[in-house]
Amino acid sequence: MDGVGPGLGDEQIRGTQRLVFCWAHVRREFVEAEQVAPACAQVLSRIGQL
């Protein structure tokens, strides 16, 4: 998914399959926001640990 769905990083259970939204798209938003909100660096670090 491209982050335009129900929510960034959200999951949905459909039968026996689990739909997981793309962390790369989530990360991109935090990279862009980091320029004005340095606290985003902590979020980026946690995403990097996944």
Protein backbone atom coordinates (compact mmCIF):
# COMPACT_ATOMS: atom_id res chain seq x y z
CA MET A 1 0.00 0.00 0.00
CA ASP A 2 1.14 3.54 -0.55
CA GLY A 3 0.03 5.21 2.68
CA VAL A 4 -3.24 6.45 1.22
CA GLY A 5 -5.27 3.73 2.90
CA PRO A 6 -7.03 3.66 6.27
CA GLY A 7 -3.93 4.77 8.14
CA LEU A 8 -0.18 4.67 7.86
CA GLY A 9 1.24 1.52 9.35
CA ASP A 10 -2.20 0.05 10.00
CA GLU A 11 -2.97 -3.61 9.54
CA GLN A 12 -6.15 -5.28 8.37
CA ILE A 13 -6.97 -8.95 8.75
CA ARG A 14 -8.63 -10.47 5.70
CA GLY A 15 -9.29 -14.16 6.05
CA THR A 16 -5.93 -15.83 6.58
CA GLN A 17 -3.94 -12.98 5.03
CA ARG A 18 -2.70 -9.91 6.84
CA LEU A 19 -2.44 -6.65 4.92
CA VAL A 20 0.43 -4.52 6.22
CA PHE A 21 1.08 -1.06 4.84
CA CYS A 22 4.51 -0.20 3.57
CA TRP A 23 6.94 1.18 6.20
CA ALA A 24 8.97 2.85 3.45
CA HIS A 25 6.05 5.17 2.75
CA VAL A 26 5.59 5.86 6.46
CA ARG A 27 9.30 6.58 6.83
CA ARG A 28 9.30 9.02 3.92
CA GLU A 29 6.75 11.24 5.70
CA PHE A 30 8.94 11.39 8.82
CA VAL A 31 12.08 12.14 6.77
CA GLU A 32 10.30 15.13 5.23
CA ALA A 33 8.92 16.28 8.61
CA GLU A 34 12.29 15.93 10.36
CA GLN A 35 13.45 19.23 8.85
CA VAL A 36 10.86 21.13 10.92
CA ALA A 37 10.32 18.63 13.74
CA PRO A 38 13.62 17.16 14.98
CA ALA A 39 11.72 14.75 17.26
CA CYS A 40 11.01 12.73 14.11
CA ALA A 41 14.58 11.42 14.36
CA GLN A 42 13.49 9.14 17.21
CA VAL A 43 10.67 7.72 15.10
CA LEU A 44 13.06 7.15 12.20
CA SER A 45 15.42 5.32 14.53
CA ARG A 46 12.64 3.02 15.67
CA ILE A 47 11.51 2.35 12.11
CA GLY A 48 15.14 1.48 11.30
CA GLN A 49 15.09 -1.15 14.04
CA LEU A 50 12.16 -2.98 12.45
